[in-house]
Amino acid sequence: MELEKMRNLSDEELVHQEKTTSEQLFRLRFQVSLGQNDGVKKLRQLRKEIAQIKTVAKERELGIRGAAKDTAGDATPAASSKKGAR
């Protein structure tokens, strides 16, 4: 799943997505250990997706995404006023 799509999900949908992805990862690891599957690429993809989901959830918890946008917006006018003063 793409990062922008993850950011558009609700909190409940994020939790559900993390659970299903973790379950897929568990099942795939089990198959690999039994020698039924050689899905190294899929293992990496699932681990990356879980990490992205957890990152988005933590960003929401800390309010980082909104703060970064506000800070960038505040810095732009100050930078342009400094240019005009020189």
C-alpha atoms as a PDB file:
ATOM      1  CA  MET A   1       0.000   0.000   0.000  1.00  0.00           C
ATOM      2  CA  GLU A   2       1.290   3.466  -0.813  1.00  0.00           C
ATOM      3  CA  LEU A   3       2.260   5.867   1.950  1.00  0.00           C
ATOM      4  CA  GLU A   4      -0.255   8.536   0.886  1.00  0.00           C
ATOM      5  CA  LYS A   5      -3.074   5.978   0.978  1.00  0.00           C
ATOM      6  CA  MET A   6      -1.989   4.968   4.495  1.00  0.00           C
ATOM      7  CA  ARG A   7      -2.099   8.578   5.627  1.00  0.00           C
ATOM      8  CA  ASN A   8      -5.671   8.886   4.338  1.00  0.00           C
ATOM      9  CA  LEU A   9      -6.895   5.900   6.394  1.00  0.00           C
ATOM     10  CA  SER A  10      -8.683   6.395   9.696  1.00  0.00           C
ATOM     11  CA  ASP A  11      -7.100   5.228  12.946  1.00  0.00           C
ATOM     12  CA  GLU A  12      -9.279   2.117  13.067  1.00  0.00           C
ATOM     13  CA  GLU A  13      -8.421   1.242   9.471  1.00  0.00           C
ATOM     14  CA  LEU A  14      -4.716   1.660  10.251  1.00  0.00           C
ATOM     15  CA  VAL A  15      -4.974  -0.742  13.178  1.00  0.00           C
ATOM     16  CA  HIS A  16      -6.853  -3.245  11.016  1.00  0.00           C
ATOM     17  CA  GLN A  17      -4.292  -2.909   8.205  1.00  0.00           C
ATOM     18  CA  GLU A  18      -1.435  -3.475  10.656  1.00  0.00           C
ATOM     19  CA  LYS A  19      -3.103  -6.606  12.056  1.00  0.00           C
ATOM     20  CA  THR A  20      -3.761  -8.123   8.639  1.00  0.00           C
ATOM     21  CA  THR A  21      -0.254  -7.326   7.399  1.00  0.00           C
ATOM     22  CA  SER A  22       1.292  -8.800  10.556  1.00  0.00           C
ATOM     23  CA  GLU A  23      -0.800 -11.931  10.086  1.00  0.00           C
ATOM     24  CA  GLN A  24       0.346 -12.228   6.465  1.00  0.00           C
ATOM     25  CA  LEU A  25       3.958 -11.849   7.607  1.00  0.00           C
ATOM     26  CA  PHE A  26       3.507 -14.563  10.243  1.00  0.00           C
ATOM     27  CA  ARG A  27       1.975 -16.982   7.744  1.00  0.00           C
ATOM     28  CA  LEU A  28       4.700 -16.299   5.177  1.00  0.00           C
ATOM     29  CA  ARG A  29       7.465 -16.804   7.763  1.00  0.00           C
ATOM     30  CA  PHE A  30       5.835 -20.077   8.746  1.00  0.00           C
ATOM     31  CA  GLN A  31       5.739 -21.250   5.121  1.00  0.00           C
ATOM     32  CA  VAL A  32       9.372 -20.262   4.589  1.00  0.00           C
ATOM     33  CA  SER A  33      10.446 -22.160   7.708  1.00  0.00           C
ATOM     34  CA  LEU A  34       8.666 -25.263   6.425  1.00  0.00           C
ATOM     35  CA  GLY A  35      10.354 -24.877   3.041  1.00  0.00           C
ATOM     36  CA  GLN A  36       7.050 -24.428   1.224  1.00  0.00           C
ATOM     37  CA  ASN A  37       7.828 -20.920   0.036  1.00  0.00           C
ATOM     38  CA  ASP A  38      10.863 -18.843  -0.850  1.00  0.00           C
ATOM     39  CA  GLY A  39       9.297 -15.397  -0.451  1.00  0.00           C
ATOM     40  CA  VAL A  40      12.204 -13.239   0.689  1.00  0.00           C
ATOM     41  CA  LYS A  41      11.044 -10.309  -1.421  1.00  0.00           C
ATOM     42  CA  LYS A  42       7.521 -10.518  -0.012  1.00  0.00           C
ATOM     43  CA  LEU A  43       8.911 -10.730   3.552  1.00  0.00           C
ATOM     44  CA  ARG A  44      10.806  -7.470   3.040  1.00  0.00           C
ATOM     45  CA  GLN A  45       7.764  -5.800   1.525  1.00  0.00           C
ATOM     46  CA  LEU A  46       5.520  -6.811   4.443  1.00  0.00           C
ATOM     47  CA  ARG A  47       8.034  -5.686   7.069  1.00  0.00           C
ATOM     48  CA  LYS A  48       8.378  -2.342   5.290  1.00  0.00           C
ATOM     49  CA  GLU A  49       4.609  -1.910   5.129  1.00  0.00           C
ATOM     50  CA  ILE A  50       4.235  -2.633   8.859  1.00  0.00           C
ATOM     51  CA  ALA A  51       6.956  -0.086   9.628  1.00  0.00           C
ATOM     52  CA  GLN A  52       5.218   2.539   7.485  1.00  0.00           C
ATOM     53  CA  ILE A  53       1.880   1.898   9.202  1.00  0.00           C
ATOM     54  CA  LYS A  54       3.485   2.239  12.634  1.00  0.00           C
ATOM     55  CA  THR A  55       5.246   5.431  11.527  1.00  0.00           C
ATOM     56  CA  VAL A  56       2.002   7.018  10.326  1.00  0.00           C
ATOM     57  CA  ALA A  57       0.276   6.047  13.592  1.00  0.00           C
ATOM     58  CA  LYS A  58       3.105   7.538  15.658  1.00  0.00           C
ATOM     59  CA  GLU A  59       3.081  10.743  13.570  1.00  0.00           C
ATOM     60  CA  ARG A  60      -0.624  11.129  14.318  1.00  0.00           C
ATOM     61  CA  GLU A  61      -0.067  10.437  18.000  1.00  0.00           C
ATOM     62  CA  LEU A  62       2.651  13.081  18.264  1.00  0.00           C
ATOM     63  CA  GLY A  63       1.024  15.524  15.835  1.00  0.00           C
ATOM     64  CA  ILE A  64       4.193  15.701  13.746  1.00  0.00           C
ATOM     65  CA  ARG A  65       2.659  15.934  10.272  1.00  0.00           C
ATOM     66  CA  GLY A  66       0.588  19.024  11.041  1.00  0.00           C
ATOM     67  CA  ALA A  67       3.409  20.721  12.949  1.00  0.00           C
ATOM     68  CA  ALA A  68       5.843  20.255  10.082  1.00  0.00           C
ATOM     69  CA  LYS A  69       3.472  21.942   7.656  1.00  0.00           C
ATOM     70  CA  ASP A  70       2.867  24.872  10.050  1.00  0.00           C
ATOM     71  CA  THR A  71       6.580  25.386  10.653  1.00  0.00           C
ATOM     72  CA  ALA A  72       7.350  25.380   6.938  1.00  0.00           C
ATOM     73  CA  GLY A  73       4.614  27.943   6.353  1.00  0.00           C
ATOM     74  CA  ASP A  74       5.968  30.227   9.107  1.00  0.00           C
ATOM     75  CA  ALA A  75       9.552  30.055   7.865  1.00  0.00           C
ATOM     76  CA  THR A  76       8.746  31.108   4.305  1.00  0.00           C
ATOM     77  CA  PRO A  77       7.496  34.668   5.020  1.00  0.00           C
ATOM     78  CA  ALA A  78      10.409  35.358   7.380  1.00  0.00           C
ATOM     79  CA  ALA A  79      12.905  34.285   4.749  1.00  0.00           C
ATOM     80  CA  SER A  80      11.360  36.555   2.120  1.00  0.00           C
ATOM     81  CA  SER A  81      11.324  39.553   4.493  1.00  0.00           C
ATOM     82  CA  LYS A  82      15.033  39.047   5.182  1.00  0.00           C
ATOM     83  CA  LYS A  83      15.769  39.156   1.463  1.00  0.00           C
ATOM     84  CA  GLY A  84      13.925  42.438   1.116  1.00  0.00           C
ATOM     85  CA  ALA A  85      15.842  44.007   4.038  1.00  0.00           C
ATOM     86  CA  ARG A  86      19.233  43.528   2.355  1.00  0.00           C
END
